Amino acid sequence: RRSAATRAVVRLLPTPQRNCRGMAEPKAKCARTDGGAGLFGHITMAPPDPILGTSIAYNADTDPKKINLGIGAYRDEAGKPYVLKCVKKAEEDILADTGKSVFKEYSTIDGPPKLKTLTQKLVFGEDSAAVTEGRIASTQGLSGTGSLRVTAEFIKTFMKPESHVIWVSNPTWGNHNTIFAKAGLTVKSYPYYKPSTRGFDFEGMVKTLKEDVAEGSHVLLHACAHNPTGVDPTEDQWKQIADIMKERKLVPLMDSAYQGYASGSLDKDAFAVRLFLSMGFEMYMCQSFAKNLGLYGERIGMLHVVCSSADAAKNVLSQLKMVIRPMYSSPPIHGALLIERILGEPSAFQAWKTELKEMADRVLEVRSLLRKGLEEKGTPGTWNHITDQIGMFSYTGLTEKQCERLISKHHIYLLKSGRISLAGLNKGNMQYMIDCMDEVVALAPDAPAGII
């Protein structure tokens, strides 16, 4: 028998490896029973995101003439990312106050109260009765995407089963369908874009709303600067859409990512939102500050739910917080601090409006130069749709093969749907873009109807 001391030493020695029969075999390894694939061997490679994948390909390209028209982010006239001056000033102020009145503590689940009031007034109007009466349940979200995801989860969890259907425009932002489907909603589409005119299919949308969309269904509406087409309803068309939705008892879910960026006017770009509010709709509004303040990486946005009473708004907010708590617990604070400073201080707010107008005007100038250049060059087709559309994007009407040629031969990166981000163009690369578009339209054999 071993002594107590010997047993203690043995316990400290490494345990010998054993083979599959349980015999000690220090250097041998058991054969795998999974064919060597491992626990995650069945996982396949996901397809690249079409937008982010475009940027990856652009970054890997070494051609000096390359242009990135895929990513939806503003670029200045030199083609560089742009940090707004008002944002830089707010950053300096926040840094000066850090450790004094600004700390790195957790935010509340729904974000700071001041942020709610400021963002409500921005989108719904300074004199909005819904704001003053406390009928809006608001919570900070992870930009527009996160706000949409929380909305979808709320609908699925708390709204009646017949309302678990959401209609989105065809086409719409590529992430919309996935966001709603992941929450368990049924996603359907209504006509929106008419390829033959490269404009708005108003008749098709109205017909679907009247005949196909069931009472209580949700309808996703782009508040302004429709992504990806750049095609918006006129004010009169918005009124007709609102009348039909009111009559049919349809629920608006508005996505506002471009307020002020489309026309240069915060109020003009809020027309549709305020119209629906004035007509007494209870509705959802998802608000992003990625584009109009250039805060892409801060992931700052808001979800507003307009209710019929202040009591209903309190109840809705309490349940929105229950959706958020197990999802990401609480939102990041830095973007909220920036928004509070810029919207809450009159001088900063005015500075932002000035810069926002400058950004919008630059994109409008790009539209004008591109159309003019194509027309003067005699590029086959009509190109008025480039200036008829609005916002960051244009649906050019180029076919998939024409887009592939732009990418492979000319190093111009865009989505194969023909969508381009106009912010990627400037006076330095405009003529190259015009020449290359002219080349692919003239040579590609499958030009779409309406182009030639």
Foldseek 3Di string as FASTA:
>chain_A
DDDPVVVVVVVPDDDADAEPVRHGDRPDDYDDPVNPCPPCNVDDDDDDDLLVVLVVLLVVDPDPLFFEFRDQAFADQVLHHDAAPLLVVLVVVQVVCEVPPDYQDFAAAFGDPLLVLLVCCLQQNPPQPLSVQQQKQKGKALFLLRLLLLVLLCCLPPNDPLQLEEEEEVVAPPCNVVSNVVSPGHYHYWYFADLQALEGPLVRRLVCLQPPDAANYEYEDELALTPPALYDDDLVSLLVVLVSCVVRNYAYAYEYEQQCLWQLHNVVSSSSVNSNVVVPGFYKYKFGDCHLNVPVPQSIIMIMTRHPHNVVSVVSNVVSSVSRCVVPNHHGCPVSSSSCVQSVDVVSVVSSSVVSSVNSVQLLVLLVLLQVLLVVVVQFFHQVQSNNGIGQKHQRQDALVLQVCCCPPVNYRHRSSSMTGSSSDHPVSRNVVSVSSSVSSVPPPCRDNRGD
